[in-house]
């Protein structure tokens, strides 16, 4: 890694040291590294399993597959949610095959073993044929930790990992003003991709690629380094604040006419963009004022709890190891890559979009265009490259993944060479080294299992 320069802007309160470990290719291509992750990484973190909107009645089930593992989250009679491994204690058959289900009891399709919603075995064939008598009431599905935050359900395989709300810090408090508890998941998109899951994680740990991969964002998101704030937390998570409703300072847009689509954003809040020609950078403050004044009357009741920054900017929250929440005042994007069950050079990419329920609003603008404001209005799985979009910006992110995976297999690749603004990538891989290889004196248990 190159020495950090003063150009990159790291928060003095949230800037963590790095060692300079070489980021080697084996972590992206080798089955040995994949097995180490399966053993030492994935059991030691909380996983986002689904949204509470999928669990409305007792017996509603969400199934979440992660690599070779499968977990079910089950709504209980008392309204709580419990998680179990999706494996029948009889002979291991998977119990729930679909992504969601709604049942009175959980029944194995192989031999009919039936479990109450709390995981207790309730019915078997030939109960008297078991040594010691009927196993009913004695055998239980293997339970995992399960908890909720906002509209989401999480699960964890390890009892020593910090409780969910501690593990998520500092984001529950940082995101509180958005009021996401009742936001609606409108898009639920996923795709099989031919690259290691960490390639996109690296991508979401930096903004260096925006001018080249997302050039169209430059006219309404300021990706200039002096205006972007990077933060890294003791938990292993990190974030990036980018000014929205303001064009990039990498190019002189300030002294020009207000560029599209920033002009449309101004008109949406009854602002004449022509009034800001030659001083386009001032439009951001004008939109903040207009949102404060007009937002509540348009049904955006959550605006009153947001900071000025939250009203217009983009807050990218990257949770170690594989989850990103991208916040804007009217949209929450969930971006995640998960490992393929057997191939280290493949992964599953997931993209969810959630929106606040605004009275009288029937449609919302999404990365796929205008879509009805209703739960999972578009829900689909595809294979990247088959022409089915996972969102126009996400499509661009994935477009580089396959060629990077190919290049990482080259004898000519000797390790990453990073600029200062990619320090979050460096730290991500050093944390990964600590957990997967036990390299550092600070153990993974200290980093991820202790209160922050």
Protein backbone atom coordinates (compact mmCIF):
# COMPACT_ATOMS: atom_id res chain seq x y z
CA UNK A 1 0.00 0.00 0.00
CA UNK A 2 1.21 3.50 -0.79
CA UNK A 3 1.68 6.00 2.04
CA UNK A 4 -1.55 7.91 2.69
CA UNK A 5 -1.50 11.40 1.21
CA UNK A 6 -3.21 14.52 2.55
CA UNK A 7 -5.55 14.51 -0.46
CA UNK A 8 -7.76 11.76 0.99
CA UNK A 9 -9.98 12.98 3.81
CA UNK A 10 -10.19 10.62 6.79
CA UNK A 11 -12.09 11.56 9.92
CA UNK A 12 -9.61 12.31 12.74
CA UNK A 13 -12.01 10.61 15.16
CA UNK A 14 -12.45 7.45 13.09
CA UNK A 15 -9.19 6.68 11.33
CA UNK A 16 -7.74 3.25 12.09
CA UNK A 17 -4.12 2.20 11.51
CA UNK A 18 -3.08 -0.35 8.91
CA UNK A 19 -0.01 -2.59 8.76
CA UNK A 20 0.57 -2.74 5.03
CA UNK A 21 -0.10 -6.48 4.53
CA UNK A 22 0.24 -7.55 0.90
CA UNK A 23 -3.18 -8.25 -0.60
CA UNK A 24 -2.46 -11.49 -2.41
CA UNK A 25 -4.36 -13.22 -5.18
CA UNK A 26 -4.91 -16.48 -3.29
CA UNK A 27 -7.73 -14.97 -1.24
CA UNK A 28 -9.68 -14.50 -4.46
CA UNK A 29 -8.92 -17.77 -6.24
CA UNK A 30 -7.96 -20.60 -3.90
CA UNK A 31 -10.25 -23.24 -2.41
CA UNK A 32 -7.97 -23.40 0.64
CA UNK A 33 -8.69 -19.75 1.43
CA UNK A 34 -12.40 -20.33 0.83
CA UNK A 35 -12.40 -23.18 3.36
CA UNK A 36 -10.64 -21.00 5.91
CA UNK A 37 -13.35 -18.37 5.44
CA UNK A 38 -16.03 -21.01 5.91
CA UNK A 39 -14.39 -22.07 9.15
CA UNK A 40 -13.21 -18.80 10.67
CA UNK A 41 -15.11 -15.91 9.06
CA UNK A 42 -18.73 -16.65 8.24
CA UNK A 43 -19.63 -18.17 11.63
CA UNK A 44 -18.19 -15.13 13.43
CA UNK A 45 -20.41 -12.35 12.03
CA UNK A 46 -24.09 -11.43 11.91
CA UNK A 47 -25.88 -12.09 8.62
CA UNK A 48 -28.81 -10.18 7.18
CA UNK A 49 -31.49 -12.82 6.62
CA UNK A 50 -34.48 -10.88 5.34
CA UNK A 51 -37.04 -8.19 6.13
CA UNK A 52 -39.72 -8.27 8.81
CA UNK A 53 -42.38 -7.64 6.16
CA UNK A 54 -41.91 -11.29 5.15
CA UNK A 55 -42.84 -12.42 8.68
CA UNK A 56 -46.36 -11.16 9.30
CA UNK A 57 -48.07 -14.24 10.78
CA UNK A 58 -47.01 -17.18 12.98
CA UNK A 59 -45.50 -19.84 10.74
CA UNK A 60 -44.15 -17.39 8.17
CA UNK A 61 -40.60 -18.43 7.21
CA UNK A 62 -37.64 -16.79 5.48
CA UNK A 63 -34.93 -19.10 4.16
CA UNK A 64 -31.42 -17.74 3.68
CA UNK A 65 -28.70 -19.76 1.97
CA UNK A 66 -25.07 -18.79 2.61
CA UNK A 67 -22.53 -20.90 0.74
CA UNK A 68 -23.29 -24.50 1.74
CA UNK A 69 -25.23 -23.40 4.80
CA UNK A 70 -28.97 -22.75 5.00
CA UNK A 71 -30.91 -21.05 7.78
CA UNK A 72 -34.63 -20.51 8.35
CA UNK A 73 -36.13 -17.66 10.36
CA UNK A 74 -39.57 -18.50 11.75
CA UNK A 75 -42.27 -16.18 13.12
CA UNK A 76 -43.41 -17.52 16.49
CA UNK A 77 -46.86 -17.47 18.06
CA UNK A 78 -45.81 -14.66 20.41
CA UNK A 79 -44.55 -12.47 17.53
CA UNK A 80 -40.85 -13.14 18.12
CA UNK A 81 -38.55 -14.59 15.45
CA UNK A 82 -36.34 -17.63 15.94
CA UNK A 83 -33.69 -19.01 13.59
CA UNK A 84 -32.77 -22.65 12.96
CA UNK A 85 -30.39 -24.50 10.70
CA UNK A 86 -32.37 -25.70 7.70
CA UNK A 87 -31.50 -29.35 8.32
CA UNK A 88 -33.64 -32.18 9.66
CA UNK A 89 -31.99 -33.85 12.69
CA UNK A 90 -33.15 -37.24 11.34
CA UNK A 91 -30.81 -37.55 8.35
CA UNK A 92 -30.03 -34.00 7.32
CA UNK A 93 -32.61 -33.31 4.64
CA UNK A 94 -33.28 -29.62 4.04
CA UNK A 95 -36.67 -28.68 5.44
CA UNK A 96 -37.53 -25.51 3.50
CA UNK A 97 -36.59 -25.27 -0.16
CA UNK A 98 -38.28 -22.02 -1.19
CA UNK A 99 -37.12 -18.54 -0.19
CA UNK A 100 -40.28 -18.00 1.84
CA UNK A 101 -42.98 -20.26 3.25
CA UNK A 102 -46.00 -20.12 5.52
CA UNK A 103 -46.80 -23.24 7.55
CA UNK A 104 -48.58 -24.41 10.66
CA UNK A 105 -45.74 -26.82 11.36
CA UNK A 106 -42.37 -27.46 9.73
CA UNK A 107 -42.41 -30.82 7.96
CA UNK A 108 -39.53 -32.74 6.40
CA UNK A 109 -40.56 -33.97 2.95
CA UNK A 110 -38.39 -37.09 3.22
CA UNK A 111 -39.88 -39.08 6.12
CA UNK A 112 -42.48 -36.68 7.40
CA UNK A 113 -40.80 -35.65 10.64
CA UNK A 114 -42.81 -32.66 11.83
CA UNK A 115 -41.70 -29.81 14.10
CA UNK A 116 -43.61 -27.15 15.98
CA UNK A 117 -42.72 -23.55 15.15
CA UNK A 118 -40.36 -23.46 18.14
CA UNK A 119 -38.32 -26.29 16.59
CA UNK A 120 -39.58 -29.09 18.85
CA UNK A 121 -40.19 -32.45 17.18
CA UNK A 122 -43.94 -33.06 17.32
CA UNK A 123 -44.62 -36.03 15.04
CA UNK A 124 -42.73 -38.96 13.50
CA UNK A 125 -43.61 -42.17 11.73
CA UNK A 126 -43.48 -45.25 13.96
CA UNK A 127 -42.64 -43.38 17.21
CA UNK A 128 -42.41 -46.65 19.19
CA UNK A 129 -39.60 -47.94 16.96
CA UNK A 130 -37.01 -45.73 18.69
CA UNK A 131 -34.83 -46.90 21.54
CA UNK A 132 -36.06 -45.13 24.64
CA UNK A 133 -39.50 -44.48 23.20
CA UNK A 134 -40.88 -41.71 21.05
CA UNK A 135 -38.38 -38.95 20.22
CA UNK A 136 -41.17 -36.37 20.08
CA UNK A 137 -40.58 -33.53 22.49
CA UNK A 138 -36.97 -34.64 22.96
CA UNK A 139 -35.43 -33.66 19.62
CA UNK A 140 -35.22 -30.04 18.46
CA UNK A 141 -34.05 -28.20 15.40
CA UNK A 142 -30.61 -26.72 16.05
CA UNK A 143 -31.21 -23.07 16.95
CA UNK A 144 -29.08 -20.04 16.09
CA UNK A 145 -29.07 -16.53 17.48
CA UNK A 146 -31.61 -14.25 15.85
CA UNK A 147 -32.37 -10.56 16.31
CA UNK A 148 -33.88 -7.60 14.47
CA UNK A 149 -32.87 -4.04 13.70
CA UNK A 150 -34.99 -1.58 11.74
CA UNK A 151 -36.90 -3.50 9.05
CA UNK A 152 -34.32 -6.32 9.02
CA UNK A 153 -33.87 -9.80 10.53
CA UNK A 154 -30.33 -11.02 11.29
CA UNK A 155 -28.87 -14.37 12.39
CA UNK A 156 -25.51 -15.50 13.75
CA UNK A 157 -23.89 -18.92 14.16
CA UNK A 158 -21.56 -18.08 17.07
CA UNK A 159 -22.65 -17.44 20.66
CA UNK A 160 -19.52 -15.40 21.43
CA UNK A 161 -20.10 -12.69 18.82
CA UNK A 162 -21.32 -9.39 20.31
CA UNK A 163 -25.12 -8.84 20.44
CA UNK A 164 -26.49 -7.51 17.17
CA UNK A 165 -26.99 -3.88 18.20
CA UNK A 166 -23.45 -3.72 19.59
CA UNK A 167 -22.06 -5.46 16.51
CA UNK A 168 -23.78 -2.92 14.24
CA UNK A 169 -22.31 0.13 16.00
CA UNK A 170 -22.19 2.97 15.17
CA UNK A 171 -24.87 2.63 12.51
CA UNK A 172 -28.08 2.21 14.56
CA UNK A 173 -27.50 5.63 16.11
CA UNK A 174 -26.10 7.20 12.93
CA UNK A 175 -29.11 6.07 10.86
CA UNK A 176 -31.77 6.71 13.49
CA UNK A 177 -32.92 9.98 11.93
CA UNK A 178 -33.92 8.32 8.65
CA UNK A 179 -36.69 6.35 10.40
CA UNK A 180 -36.17 3.19 8.35
CA UNK A 181 -38.22 0.85 10.57
CA UNK A 182 -41.27 0.89 8.28
CA UNK A 183 -39.53 1.35 4.93
CA UNK A 184 -40.77 -0.89 2.14
CA UNK A 185 -38.51 -3.24 0.18
CA UNK A 186 -39.57 -2.57 -3.41
CA UNK A 187 -36.68 -4.25 -5.26
CA UNK A 188 -35.25 -7.65 -4.36
CA UNK A 189 -32.68 -8.49 -7.03
CA UNK A 190 -29.92 -11.07 -7.11
CA UNK A 191 -27.56 -12.58 -9.65
CA UNK A 192 -24.98 -15.34 -9.93
CA UNK A 193 -21.63 -13.83 -10.90
CA UNK A 194 -18.28 -15.25 -12.00
CA UNK A 195 -15.95 -13.57 -9.54
CA UNK A 196 -14.99 -13.90 -5.89
CA UNK A 197 -17.29 -12.18 -3.38
CA UNK A 198 -14.46 -9.90 -2.18
CA UNK A 199 -14.03 -8.19 -5.54
CA UNK A 200 -17.24 -6.24 -5.13
CA UNK A 201 -16.50 -5.73 -1.44
CA UNK A 202 -13.26 -4.00 -2.44
CA UNK A 203 -15.25 -1.93 -4.93
CA UNK A 204 -17.66 -0.75 -2.23
CA UNK A 205 -14.74 0.10 0.05
CA UNK A 206 -13.56 2.86 -2.27
CA UNK A 207 -14.85 5.70 -4.45
CA UNK A 208 -11.77 5.76 -6.69
CA UNK A 209 -13.75 4.03 -9.46
CA UNK A 210 -16.57 6.58 -9.69
CA UNK A 211 -15.06 8.81 -12.41
CA UNK A 212 -14.33 5.82 -14.65
CA UNK A 213 -17.11 3.30 -13.94
CA UNK A 214 -19.94 5.73 -13.01
CA UNK A 215 -19.12 8.98 -14.88
CA UNK A 216 -22.82 9.93 -15.11
CA UNK A 217 -22.98 10.32 -11.31
CA UNK A 218 -20.57 13.27 -11.44
CA UNK A 219 -23.30 15.82 -12.15
CA UNK A 220 -25.21 15.25 -8.89
CA UNK A 221 -22.80 13.48 -6.49
CA UNK A 222 -19.61 15.27 -5.48
CA UNK A 223 -16.92 12.58 -5.47
CA UNK A 224 -14.05 15.06 -5.09
CA UNK A 225 -11.62 13.82 -2.43
CA UNK A 226 -11.53 17.04 -0.36
CA UNK A 227 -15.34 16.85 -0.08
CA UNK A 228 -15.62 13.12 0.72
CA UNK A 229 -15.27 11.93 4.30
CA UNK A 230 -14.01 8.42 5.07
CA UNK A 231 -14.48 6.81 8.49
CA UNK A 232 -13.21 3.51 9.90
CA UNK A 233 -14.50 2.12 13.19
CA UNK A 234 -13.05 -0.20 15.84
CA UNK A 235 -15.82 -2.69 14.97
CA UNK A 236 -14.30 -3.33 11.54
CA UNK A 237 -17.10 -1.45 9.77
CA UNK A 238 -16.49 1.76 7.83
CA UNK A 239 -18.37 4.48 6.01
CA UNK A 240 -18.12 7.20 3.39
CA UNK A 241 -20.04 10.49 3.28
CA UNK A 242 -20.45 11.99 -0.19
CA UNK A 243 -22.12 15.31 -0.87
CA UNK A 244 -25.29 14.92 -2.92
CA UNK A 245 -27.22 17.52 -4.92
CA UNK A 246 -23.84 18.95 -5.87
CA UNK A 247 -21.71 18.18 -8.91
CA UNK A 248 -18.19 16.83 -8.57
CA UNK A 249 -15.37 19.25 -7.88
CA UNK A 250 -13.05 17.17 -10.06
CA UNK A 251 -14.45 19.19 -13.01
CA UNK A 252 -15.56 22.82 -13.00
CA UNK A 253 -19.32 22.51 -12.93
CA UNK A 254 -19.65 25.33 -10.39
CA UNK A 255 -19.25 28.15 -12.89
CA UNK A 256 -21.41 26.55 -15.59
CA UNK A 257 -25.14 26.06 -16.05
CA UNK A 258 -26.73 23.59 -13.63
CA UNK A 259 -26.16 20.18 -15.24
CA UNK A 260 -28.73 17.42 -15.65
CA UNK A 261 -30.10 15.68 -13.61
CA UNK A 262 -29.27 18.22 -10.90
CA UNK A 263 -31.56 20.68 -12.67
CA UNK A 264 -34.49 18.27 -12.37
CA UNK A 265 -33.73 17.75 -8.68
CA UNK A 266 -34.02 21.50 -8.21
CA UNK A 267 -37.33 21.72 -10.07
CA UNK A 268 -38.70 18.86 -7.97
CA UNK A 269 -38.42 21.20 -4.97
CA UNK A 270 -39.83 24.28 -6.78
CA UNK A 271 -36.40 25.79 -7.40
CA UNK A 272 -35.54 27.39 -10.74
CA UNK A 273 -32.13 25.94 -11.66
CA UNK A 274 -31.39 28.98 -13.84
CA UNK A 275 -31.08 31.03 -10.65
CA UNK A 276 -27.98 28.97 -9.82
CA UNK A 277 -26.20 29.08 -13.18
CA UNK A 278 -22.61 30.11 -12.50
CA UNK A 279 -22.85 29.03 -8.86
CA UNK A 280 -24.16 25.49 -9.07
CA UNK A 281 -22.48 24.43 -5.81
CA UNK A 282 -24.89 26.68 -3.89
CA UNK A 283 -27.89 24.65 -5.03
CA UNK A 284 -27.30 22.02 -2.33
CA UNK A 285 -28.09 24.49 0.47
CA UNK A 286 -31.18 25.72 -1.37
CA UNK A 287 -32.53 22.19 -1.68
CA UNK A 288 -31.96 21.60 2.04
CA UNK A 289 -34.05 24.68 2.79
CA UNK A 290 -36.78 23.63 0.36
CA UNK A 291 -36.96 20.12 1.80
CA UNK A 292 -37.29 21.54 5.30
CA UNK A 293 -40.09 23.83 4.16
CA UNK A 294 -41.98 21.61 1.72
CA UNK A 295 -41.14 18.03 2.74
CA UNK A 296 -43.67 17.48 5.58
CA UNK A 297 -46.52 18.75 3.41
CA UNK A 298 -45.54 16.22 0.73
CA UNK A 299 -45.69 13.33 3.18
CA UNK A 300 -41.99 13.06 4.07
CA UNK A 301 -42.60 12.99 7.80
CA UNK A 302 -39.11 11.59 8.44
CA UNK A 303 -37.39 14.77 7.25
CA UNK A 304 -37.87 16.49 10.60
CA UNK A 305 -35.56 13.96 12.30
CA UNK A 306 -32.79 14.19 9.69
CA UNK A 307 -29.73 16.39 9.78
CA UNK A 308 -29.17 18.81 6.90
CA UNK A 309 -26.49 16.44 5.64
CA UNK A 310 -28.88 13.50 5.65
CA UNK A 311 -31.45 15.47 3.64
CA UNK A 312 -29.23 15.69 0.57
CA UNK A 313 -26.12 13.51 0.92
CA UNK A 314 -25.18 9.85 0.43
CA UNK A 315 -23.99 7.83 3.42
CA UNK A 316 -22.34 4.56 2.40
CA UNK A 317 -22.18 2.19 5.38
CA UNK A 318 -19.97 -0.85 4.83
CA UNK A 319 -20.37 -3.60 7.43
CA UNK A 320 -17.59 -6.14 7.73
CA UNK A 321 -17.31 -8.36 5.88
CA UNK A 322 -19.87 -8.29 3.08
CA UNK A 323 -22.80 -5.91 3.58
CA UNK A 324 -23.26 -2.32 2.36
CA UNK A 325 -26.14 -0.01 3.23
CA UNK A 326 -26.25 3.09 1.02
CA UNK A 327 -28.47 5.74 2.56
CA UNK A 328 -30.13 8.72 0.95
CA UNK A 329 -33.17 10.53 2.35
CA UNK A 330 -35.66 8.69 0.14
CA UNK A 331 -33.89 5.37 -0.54
CA UNK A 332 -31.93 2.64 1.27
CA UNK A 333 -29.92 0.32 -0.95
CA UNK A 334 -28.70 -3.01 0.42
CA UNK A 335 -25.75 -4.37 -1.56
CA UNK A 336 -24.20 -7.70 -0.65
CA UNK A 337 -22.03 -10.43 -2.13
CA UNK A 338 -22.03 -13.93 -0.67
CA UNK A 339 -19.77 -16.90 -1.46
CA UNK A 340 -20.63 -19.60 -3.95
CA UNK A 341 -21.12 -22.98 -2.22
CA UNK A 342 -18.07 -24.61 -3.83
CA UNK A 343 -16.27 -22.29 -6.27
CA UNK A 344 -14.08 -19.46 -4.89
CA UNK A 345 -14.22 -17.70 -8.27
CA UNK A 346 -18.00 -17.25 -8.17
CA UNK A 347 -20.45 -15.47 -5.88
CA UNK A 348 -24.04 -14.34 -5.47
CA UNK A 349 -24.73 -10.60 -5.69
CA UNK A 350 -27.82 -9.16 -4.00
CA UNK A 351 -29.38 -5.72 -4.38
CA UNK A 352 -32.41 -4.61 -2.38
CA UNK A 353 -33.98 -1.15 -2.44
CA UNK A 354 -36.22 0.15 0.34
CA UNK A 355 -38.31 3.33 0.37
CA UNK A 356 -40.27 5.29 2.99
CA UNK A 357 -44.06 4.82 2.80
CA UNK A 358 -45.33 8.27 1.78
CA UNK A 359 -49.07 8.86 1.95
CA UNK A 360 -50.56 9.17 -1.52
CA UNK A 361 -47.40 7.97 -3.30
CA UNK A 362 -48.14 4.99 -5.55
CA UNK A 363 -44.77 4.72 -7.35
CA UNK A 364 -41.13 5.42 -6.63
CA UNK A 365 -38.11 5.99 -8.82
CA UNK A 366 -35.74 3.03 -8.49
CA UNK A 367 -32.55 1.87 -10.23
CA UNK A 368 -34.90 0.02 -12.61
CA UNK A 369 -37.13 3.06 -13.26
CA UNK A 370 -40.57 3.81 -11.85
CA UNK A 371 -41.94 0.88 -9.81
CA UNK A 372 -45.06 0.51 -7.61
CA UNK A 373 -44.41 1.38 -3.96
CA UNK A 374 -45.23 -2.07 -2.63
CA UNK A 375 -43.36 -4.96 -1.02
CA UNK A 376 -41.12 -6.79 -3.51
CA UNK A 377 -42.76 -5.18 -6.52
CA UNK A 378 -39.86 -6.64 -8.48
CA UNK A 379 -38.21 -9.78 -7.10
CA UNK A 380 -36.01 -11.85 -9.39
CA UNK A 381 -32.81 -13.86 -9.66
CA UNK A 382 -30.64 -13.90 -12.76
CA UNK A 383 -27.17 -14.71 -14.03
CA UNK A 384 -25.00 -11.65 -14.54
CA UNK A 385 -24.42 -11.12 -18.24
CA UNK A 386 -27.78 -12.50 -19.37
CA UNK A 387 -29.12 -9.00 -20.02
CA UNK A 388 -31.27 -8.78 -16.90
CA UNK A 389 -30.43 -5.64 -14.93
CA UNK A 390 -29.70 -5.55 -11.20
CA UNK A 391 -29.86 -1.74 -11.32
CA UNK A 392 -27.99 0.52 -13.68
CA UNK A 393 -25.21 1.55 -11.26
CA UNK A 394 -24.89 -1.98 -9.88
CA UNK A 395 -24.63 -3.28 -13.45
CA UNK A 396 -21.63 -1.01 -13.93
CA UNK A 397 -20.03 -2.26 -10.70
CA UNK A 398 -20.45 -5.89 -11.73
CA UNK A 399 -19.17 -5.19 -15.24
CA UNK A 400 -15.56 -5.07 -14.05
CA UNK A 401 -15.77 -8.14 -11.79
CA UNK A 402 -15.14 -10.92 -14.32
CA UNK A 403 -12.16 -9.26 -15.98
CA UNK A 404 -10.63 -8.52 -12.57
CA UNK A 405 -11.09 -12.14 -11.52
CA UNK A 406 -9.30 -13.21 -14.69
CA UNK A 407 -6.46 -10.78 -14.07
CA UNK A 408 -6.00 -11.96 -10.49
CA UNK A 409 -5.15 -15.40 -11.86
CA UNK A 410 -2.17 -14.01 -13.74
CA UNK A 411 1.41 -14.75 -12.67
CA UNK A 412 1.98 -11.06 -13.32
CA UNK A 413 -0.22 -9.98 -10.40
CA UNK A 414 2.00 -9.63 -7.32
CA UNK A 415 -0.36 -7.87 -4.91
CA UNK A 416 -2.47 -4.72 -4.83
CA UNK A 417 -0.90 -1.24 -5.03
CA UNK A 418 -3.31 1.16 -3.33
CA UNK A 419 -3.55 4.96 -3.09
CA UNK A 420 -4.39 6.59 0.22
CA UNK A 421 -8.09 6.86 -0.55
CA UNK A 422 -8.26 3.04 -0.71
CA UNK A 423 -7.08 2.60 2.86
CA UNK A 424 -10.44 1.02 3.71
CA UNK A 425 -9.62 -1.82 1.30
CA UNK A 426 -6.28 -2.31 3.05
CA UNK A 427 -7.92 -2.49 6.46
CA UNK A 428 -10.64 -4.83 5.21
CA UNK A 429 -8.03 -7.34 4.08
CA UNK A 430 -5.97 -7.01 7.23
CA UNK A 431 -9.07 -7.72 9.33
CA UNK A 432 -9.73 -10.66 7.03
CA UNK A 433 -6.16 -11.88 7.57
CA UNK A 434 -6.62 -11.61 11.32
CA UNK A 435 -9.77 -13.72 11.27
CA UNK A 436 -8.90 -16.23 8.58
CA UNK A 437 -5.19 -16.66 9.29
CA UNK A 438 -4.85 -15.39 12.87
CA UNK A 439 -1.99 -13.11 11.80
CA UNK A 440 -2.27 -10.22 14.24
CA UNK A 441 -1.92 -10.01 18.00
CA UNK A 442 -5.41 -8.51 18.16
CA UNK A 443 -7.61 -11.56 17.73
CA UNK A 444 -10.86 -11.69 15.80
CA UNK A 445 -12.64 -12.28 19.10
CA UNK A 446 -11.31 -8.97 20.42
CA UNK A 447 -12.31 -7.12 17.28
CA UNK A 448 -15.74 -8.54 16.74
CA UNK A 449 -16.94 -10.13 19.96
CA UNK A 450 -16.32 -7.38 22.49
CA UNK A 451 -18.60 -4.42 23.21
CA UNK A 452 -17.39 -1.39 21.28
